[in-house]
Amino acid sequence: MTSEISFSIENNIVMSFVTGKRTKENSIKLWQQAFDRCEQENIKKLQMNLALDGHFSPFEAINNYQSIIEIVKNRGLQIAVVDINRNSSSETQIGCNMGASQGVNVNYFNSESEAMRWLMSDELTLEKMA
């Protein structure tokens, strides 16, 4: 089973939904596609909803997430991540923490609605100030 990514735009956020098998090669490629889509749409907010089978070993996870962090650094994106696979969610949280510690504006959430609220919180704050 190969991995696939689909996109939609909601509230000026690139929404992605990723399905398939979790592999290092697929993972990096899918994240790159999501970053490219944000660039194409000129949108700085991304919600990655992951529904991938499998998980990485701790060593694979650290290496994989570091590769993704290098791709996203300096893009100025705000990224919300939701991993619905409970077998891999803790390693995804670690990846988000790694990114945040290296200056990436990323956060992990347990639900799509929580992630959306976080991504929209800047707009809500700006609307209240206007």
N, C-alpha and C. Protein backbone atom coordinates (compact mmCIF):
# COMPACT_ATOMS: atom_id res chain seq x y z
N MET A 1 0.84 -1.18 0.00
CA MET A 1 0.00 0.00 0.00
C MET A 1 0.88 1.24 0.00
N THR A 2 0.66 2.13 -0.94
CA THR A 2 1.42 3.37 -0.99
C THR A 2 0.70 4.43 -0.17
N SER A 3 1.40 5.47 0.15
CA SER A 3 0.82 6.57 0.89
C SER A 3 0.25 7.59 -0.08
N GLU A 4 -0.82 8.24 0.35
CA GLU A 4 -1.45 9.27 -0.48
C GLU A 4 -1.78 10.47 0.39
N ILE A 5 -1.77 11.63 -0.24
CA ILE A 5 -2.12 12.85 0.46
C ILE A 5 -3.17 13.59 -0.34
N SER A 6 -4.17 14.10 0.35
CA SER A 6 -5.18 14.92 -0.30
C SER A 6 -5.22 16.26 0.41
N PHE A 7 -5.67 17.28 -0.32
CA PHE A 7 -5.67 18.63 0.21
C PHE A 7 -7.03 19.30 0.05
N SER A 8 -7.31 20.20 0.97
CA SER A 8 -8.41 21.14 0.83
C SER A 8 -7.97 22.43 1.51
N ILE A 9 -8.67 23.51 1.22
CA ILE A 9 -8.38 24.79 1.84
C ILE A 9 -9.60 25.17 2.66
N GLU A 10 -9.38 25.41 3.95
CA GLU A 10 -10.45 25.82 4.85
C GLU A 10 -9.94 26.95 5.73
N ASN A 11 -10.67 28.06 5.76
CA ASN A 11 -10.32 29.18 6.64
C ASN A 11 -8.87 29.63 6.45
N ASN A 12 -8.42 29.67 5.22
CA ASN A 12 -7.05 30.07 4.88
C ASN A 12 -6.01 29.15 5.53
N ILE A 13 -6.36 27.86 5.61
CA ILE A 13 -5.47 26.83 6.13
C ILE A 13 -5.41 25.71 5.10
N VAL A 14 -4.21 25.23 4.79
CA VAL A 14 -4.08 24.05 3.93
C VAL A 14 -4.33 22.84 4.83
N MET A 15 -5.40 22.12 4.53
CA MET A 15 -5.77 20.92 5.27
C MET A 15 -5.27 19.72 4.46
N SER A 16 -4.50 18.87 5.09
CA SER A 16 -4.03 17.67 4.39
C SER A 16 -4.47 16.44 5.17
N PHE A 17 -4.76 15.40 4.43
CA PHE A 17 -5.13 14.13 5.03
C PHE A 17 -4.27 13.06 4.37
N VAL A 18 -3.47 12.38 5.19
CA VAL A 18 -2.50 11.42 4.68
C VAL A 18 -2.90 10.02 5.09
N THR A 19 -2.95 9.11 4.13
CA THR A 19 -3.29 7.71 4.39
C THR A 19 -2.24 6.81 3.77
N GLY A 20 -2.23 5.55 4.19
CA GLY A 20 -1.33 4.57 3.61
C GLY A 20 -0.37 4.00 4.63
N LYS A 21 0.77 3.54 4.13
CA LYS A 21 1.78 2.91 4.98
C LYS A 21 2.86 3.92 5.34
N ARG A 22 3.27 3.92 6.59
CA ARG A 22 4.31 4.83 7.09
C ARG A 22 5.68 4.27 6.72
N THR A 23 6.39 4.98 5.85
CA THR A 23 7.78 4.66 5.54
C THR A 23 8.56 5.97 5.53
N LYS A 24 9.86 5.89 5.72
CA LYS A 24 10.68 7.10 5.73
C LYS A 24 10.57 7.83 4.40
N GLU A 25 10.70 7.11 3.32
CA GLU A 25 10.68 7.72 2.00
C GLU A 25 9.33 8.40 1.74
N ASN A 26 8.25 7.69 2.04
CA ASN A 26 6.92 8.25 1.83
C ASN A 26 6.69 9.46 2.73
N SER A 27 7.11 9.36 3.97
CA SER A 27 6.88 10.42 4.95
C SER A 27 7.51 11.72 4.50
N ILE A 28 8.76 11.69 4.16
CA ILE A 28 9.46 12.91 3.74
C ILE A 28 8.82 13.46 2.47
N LYS A 29 8.51 12.60 1.52
CA LYS A 29 7.88 13.03 0.27
C LYS A 29 6.52 13.69 0.53
N LEU A 30 5.72 13.11 1.41
CA LEU A 30 4.39 13.65 1.69
C LEU A 30 4.47 15.00 2.40
N TRP A 31 5.39 15.12 3.36
CA TRP A 31 5.57 16.41 4.03
C TRP A 31 6.03 17.46 3.02
N GLN A 32 6.94 17.09 2.15
CA GLN A 32 7.41 18.04 1.12
C GLN A 32 6.26 18.49 0.24
N GLN A 33 5.37 17.56 -0.14
CA GLN A 33 4.20 17.91 -0.95
C GLN A 33 3.30 18.90 -0.20
N ALA A 34 3.14 18.69 1.09
CA ALA A 34 2.30 19.60 1.89
C ALA A 34 2.93 20.99 1.96
N PHE A 35 4.25 21.05 2.19
CA PHE A 35 4.93 22.34 2.23
C PHE A 35 4.84 23.05 0.89
N ASP A 36 5.01 22.29 -0.21
CA ASP A 36 4.91 22.85 -1.55
C ASP A 36 3.50 23.39 -1.81
N ARG A 37 2.49 22.67 -1.34
CA ARG A 37 1.10 23.12 -1.53
C ARG A 37 0.85 24.44 -0.81
N CYS A 38 1.39 24.57 0.40
CA CYS A 38 1.27 25.83 1.14
C CYS A 38 1.89 26.97 0.33
N GLU A 39 3.06 26.71 -0.25
CA GLU A 39 3.74 27.71 -1.05
C GLU A 39 2.92 28.07 -2.29
N GLN A 40 2.39 27.07 -2.98
CA GLN A 40 1.58 27.31 -4.17
C GLN A 40 0.36 28.16 -3.86
N GLU A 41 -0.26 27.90 -2.72
CA GLU A 41 -1.48 28.61 -2.33
C GLU A 41 -1.18 29.91 -1.60
N ASN A 42 0.11 30.17 -1.31
CA ASN A 42 0.53 31.33 -0.54
C ASN A 42 -0.19 31.39 0.81
N ILE A 43 -0.22 30.23 1.49
CA ILE A 43 -0.86 30.07 2.79
C ILE A 43 0.21 29.62 3.77
N LYS A 44 0.22 30.22 4.95
CA LYS A 44 1.26 29.94 5.95
C LYS A 44 0.79 29.03 7.07
N LYS A 45 -0.41 28.43 6.93
CA LYS A 45 -0.93 27.55 7.97
C LYS A 45 -1.24 26.18 7.37
N LEU A 46 -0.80 25.14 8.06
CA LEU A 46 -0.94 23.77 7.57
C LEU A 46 -1.44 22.88 8.69
N GLN A 47 -2.46 22.10 8.38
CA GLN A 47 -2.90 21.06 9.32
C GLN A 47 -2.65 19.72 8.66
N MET A 48 -1.76 18.92 9.28
CA MET A 48 -1.44 17.58 8.79
C MET A 48 -2.23 16.56 9.61
N ASN A 49 -3.16 15.88 8.96
CA ASN A 49 -3.95 14.83 9.60
C ASN A 49 -3.39 13.50 9.09
N LEU A 50 -2.77 12.75 9.98
CA LEU A 50 -2.08 11.53 9.61
C LEU A 50 -2.90 10.30 9.98
N ALA A 51 -3.15 9.46 9.01
CA ALA A 51 -3.81 8.18 9.23
C ALA A 51 -2.98 7.11 8.54
N LEU A 52 -1.75 6.98 9.00
CA LEU A 52 -0.79 6.06 8.40
C LEU A 52 -0.65 4.80 9.23
N ASP A 53 -0.55 3.66 8.55
CA ASP A 53 -0.33 2.38 9.23
C ASP A 53 1.14 2.24 9.59
N GLY A 54 1.39 1.62 10.74
CA GLY A 54 2.76 1.33 11.14
C GLY A 54 3.36 2.45 11.98
N HIS A 55 4.59 2.21 12.41
CA HIS A 55 5.34 3.21 13.16
C HIS A 55 6.82 2.94 12.97
N PHE A 56 7.63 3.94 13.34
CA PHE A 56 9.08 3.84 13.21
C PHE A 56 9.70 3.34 14.50
N SER A 57 10.89 2.77 14.38
CA SER A 57 11.69 2.52 15.58
C SER A 57 12.12 3.88 16.11
N PRO A 58 12.52 3.97 17.37
CA PRO A 58 12.94 5.28 17.90
C PRO A 58 14.05 5.93 17.07
N PHE A 59 15.04 5.16 16.66
CA PHE A 59 16.13 5.71 15.86
C PHE A 59 15.62 6.22 14.51
N GLU A 60 14.79 5.42 13.83
CA GLU A 60 14.22 5.84 12.55
C GLU A 60 13.39 7.11 12.72
N ALA A 61 12.60 7.17 13.78
CA ALA A 61 11.73 8.32 14.01
C ALA A 61 12.54 9.60 14.15
N ILE A 62 13.58 9.56 14.97
CA ILE A 62 14.41 10.76 15.19
C ILE A 62 15.04 11.21 13.89
N ASN A 63 15.62 10.29 13.14
CA ASN A 63 16.25 10.64 11.85
C ASN A 63 15.23 11.19 10.86
N ASN A 64 14.07 10.54 10.80
CA ASN A 64 13.04 10.96 9.86
C ASN A 64 12.53 12.36 10.19
N TYR A 65 12.22 12.58 11.46
CA TYR A 65 11.70 13.90 11.83
C TYR A 65 12.74 14.99 11.66
N GLN A 66 14.02 14.68 11.90
CA GLN A 66 15.05 15.68 11.69
C GLN A 66 15.12 16.06 10.21
N SER A 67 14.95 15.10 9.33
CA SER A 67 14.94 15.40 7.89
C SER A 67 13.78 16.32 7.53
N ILE A 68 12.62 16.06 8.11
CA ILE A 68 11.43 16.90 7.85
C ILE A 68 11.64 18.30 8.41
N ILE A 69 12.22 18.39 9.60
CA ILE A 69 12.49 19.69 10.22
C ILE A 69 13.40 20.52 9.33
N GLU A 70 14.42 19.90 8.74
CA GLU A 70 15.33 20.63 7.86
C GLU A 70 14.60 21.17 6.64
N ILE A 71 13.61 20.44 6.15
CA ILE A 71 12.83 20.89 4.98
C ILE A 71 11.96 22.09 5.33
N VAL A 72 11.40 22.11 6.53
CA VAL A 72 10.42 23.15 6.90
C VAL A 72 11.04 24.40 7.53
N LYS A 73 12.25 24.27 8.05
CA LYS A 73 12.90 25.43 8.69
C LYS A 73 12.88 26.63 7.75
N ASN A 74 12.66 27.79 8.32
CA ASN A 74 12.70 29.07 7.61
C ASN A 74 11.59 29.25 6.58
N ARG A 75 10.55 28.43 6.62
CA ARG A 75 9.42 28.64 5.71
C ARG A 75 8.34 29.52 6.33
N GLY A 76 8.43 29.74 7.64
CA GLY A 76 7.46 30.59 8.31
C GLY A 76 6.06 29.99 8.41
N LEU A 77 5.98 28.68 8.44
CA LEU A 77 4.69 28.02 8.53
C LEU A 77 4.27 27.79 9.98
N GLN A 78 2.97 27.80 10.21
CA GLN A 78 2.39 27.36 11.47
C GLN A 78 1.76 25.99 11.16
N ILE A 79 2.20 24.95 11.86
CA ILE A 79 1.80 23.58 11.52
C ILE A 79 1.14 22.91 12.72
N ALA A 80 -0.06 22.40 12.49
CA ALA A 80 -0.77 21.60 13.49
C ALA A 80 -0.77 20.16 12.98
N VAL A 81 -0.43 19.23 13.86
CA VAL A 81 -0.33 17.82 13.48
C VAL A 81 -1.28 16.99 14.33
N VAL A 82 -2.04 16.11 13.66
CA VAL A 82 -2.93 15.17 14.33
C VAL A 82 -2.59 13.79 13.78
N ASP A 83 -2.23 12.86 14.64
CA ASP A 83 -1.94 11.47 14.24
C ASP A 83 -3.03 10.59 14.85
N ILE A 84 -3.91 10.05 14.01
CA ILE A 84 -5.02 9.25 14.55
C ILE A 84 -4.62 7.81 14.84
N ASN A 85 -3.41 7.42 14.45
CA ASN A 85 -2.91 6.09 14.75
C ASN A 85 -2.28 6.13 16.14
N ARG A 86 -2.94 5.57 17.13
CA ARG A 86 -2.46 5.63 18.51
C ARG A 86 -1.14 4.88 18.70
N ASN A 87 -0.79 3.98 17.77
CA ASN A 87 0.49 3.26 17.87
C ASN A 87 1.67 4.14 17.50
N SER A 88 1.42 5.21 16.76
CA SER A 88 2.52 6.08 16.34
C SER A 88 2.39 7.49 16.89
N SER A 89 1.32 7.79 17.60
CA SER A 89 1.09 9.17 18.04
C SER A 89 2.18 9.69 18.97
N SER A 90 2.73 8.83 19.83
CA SER A 90 3.77 9.32 20.75
C SER A 90 5.03 9.70 19.99
N GLU A 91 5.40 8.93 18.95
CA GLU A 91 6.59 9.31 18.18
C GLU A 91 6.33 10.57 17.35
N THR A 92 5.08 10.76 16.91
CA THR A 92 4.74 11.99 16.19
C THR A 92 4.82 13.19 17.12
N GLN A 93 4.38 13.01 18.37
CA GLN A 93 4.50 14.08 19.36
C GLN A 93 5.96 14.44 19.59
N ILE A 94 6.82 13.43 19.65
CA ILE A 94 8.26 13.67 19.83
C ILE A 94 8.80 14.47 18.64
N GLY A 95 8.38 14.10 17.44
CA GLY A 95 8.80 14.84 16.24
C GLY A 95 8.37 16.30 16.30
N CYS A 96 7.15 16.54 16.76
CA CYS A 96 6.67 17.92 16.91
C CYS A 96 7.50 18.67 17.95
N ASN A 97 7.80 18.02 19.06
CA ASN A 97 8.63 18.65 20.09
C ASN A 97 10.03 18.96 19.57
N MET A 98 10.58 18.05 18.77
CA MET A 98 11.89 18.29 18.17
C MET A 98 11.84 19.54 17.29
N GLY A 99 10.81 19.61 16.46
CA GLY A 99 10.66 20.77 15.57
C GLY A 99 10.51 22.06 16.35
N ALA A 100 9.66 22.05 17.37
CA ALA A 100 9.44 23.25 18.17
C ALA A 100 10.73 23.70 18.84
N SER A 101 11.53 22.74 19.30
CA SER A 101 12.78 23.10 19.98
C SER A 101 13.81 23.69 19.00
N GLN A 102 13.57 23.49 17.70
CA GLN A 102 14.49 24.02 16.68
C GLN A 102 13.88 25.21 15.94
N GLY A 103 12.84 25.80 16.52
CA GLY A 103 12.29 27.03 15.97
C GLY A 103 11.15 26.87 14.99
N VAL A 104 10.66 25.66 14.79
CA VAL A 104 9.52 25.45 13.90
C VAL A 104 8.25 25.70 14.71
N ASN A 105 7.30 26.44 14.15
CA ASN A 105 6.04 26.73 14.81
C ASN A 105 5.10 25.55 14.58
N VAL A 106 5.26 24.51 15.38
CA VAL A 106 4.52 23.26 15.21
C VAL A 106 3.97 22.83 16.56
N ASN A 107 2.79 22.20 16.52
CA ASN A 107 2.17 21.71 17.73
C ASN A 107 1.40 20.43 17.40
N TYR A 108 1.36 19.52 18.36
CA TYR A 108 0.65 18.25 18.20
C TYR A 108 -0.70 18.35 18.91
N PHE A 109 -1.73 17.76 18.30
CA PHE A 109 -3.08 17.77 18.87
C PHE A 109 -3.70 16.38 18.79
N ASN A 110 -4.62 16.11 19.71
CA ASN A 110 -5.32 14.83 19.73
C ASN A 110 -6.54 14.80 18.83
N SER A 111 -6.99 15.96 18.37
CA SER A 111 -8.16 15.99 17.50
C SER A 111 -8.01 17.08 16.43
N GLU A 112 -8.71 16.87 15.33
CA GLU A 112 -8.68 17.83 14.23
C GLU A 112 -9.29 19.16 14.67
N SER A 113 -10.32 19.12 15.51
CA SER A 113 -10.96 20.37 15.93
C SER A 113 -10.03 21.20 16.82
N GLU A 114 -9.28 20.54 17.72
CA GLU A 114 -8.31 21.26 18.54
C GLU A 114 -7.23 21.91 17.67
N ALA A 115 -6.76 21.17 16.67
CA ALA A 115 -5.74 21.69 15.77
C ALA A 115 -6.26 22.90 15.01
N MET A 116 -7.48 22.82 14.52
CA MET A 116 -8.08 23.92 13.77
C MET A 116 -8.23 25.16 14.67
N ARG A 117 -8.67 24.96 15.90
CA ARG A 117 -8.81 26.10 16.83
C ARG A 117 -7.47 26.80 17.04
N TRP A 118 -6.41 26.02 17.21
CA TRP A 118 -5.08 26.60 17.42
C TRP A 118 -4.64 27.40 16.19
N LEU A 119 -4.85 26.83 15.01
CA LEU A 119 -4.45 27.51 13.78
C LEU A 119 -5.25 28.79 13.56
N MET A 120 -6.49 28.81 14.00
CA MET A 120 -7.34 29.97 13.80
C MET A 120 -7.23 30.98 14.95
N SER A 121 -6.54 30.65 16.01
CA SER A 121 -6.50 31.51 17.19
C SER A 121 -5.89 32.88 16.89
N ASP A 122 -4.92 32.97 15.99
CA ASP A 122 -4.33 34.27 15.63
C ASP A 122 -5.37 35.18 15.00
N GLU A 123 -6.17 34.64 14.08
CA GLU A 123 -7.20 35.44 13.43
C GLU A 123 -8.23 35.92 14.44
N LEU A 124 -8.61 35.04 15.36
CA LEU A 124 -9.60 35.40 16.37
C LEU A 124 -9.08 36.53 17.25
N THR A 125 -7.81 36.46 17.62
CA THR A 125 -7.20 37.51 18.44
C THR A 125 -7.16 38.82 17.66
N LEU A 126 -6.79 38.77 16.39
CA LEU A 126 -6.73 39.98 15.58
C LEU A 126 -8.12 40.59 15.39
N GLU A 127 -9.15 39.75 15.21
CA GLU A 127 -10.51 40.26 15.04
C GLU A 127 -10.96 40.97 16.31
N LYS A 128 -10.63 40.45 17.48
CA LYS A 128 -11.03 41.08 18.74
C LYS A 128 -10.34 42.44 18.91
N MET A 129 -9.13 42.57 18.39
CA MET A 129 -8.39 43.81 18.54
C MET A 129 -8.89 44.89 17.57
N ALA A 130 -9.52 44.48 16.48
CA ALA A 130 -9.96 45.45 15.45
C ALA A 130 -11.19 46.23 15.88
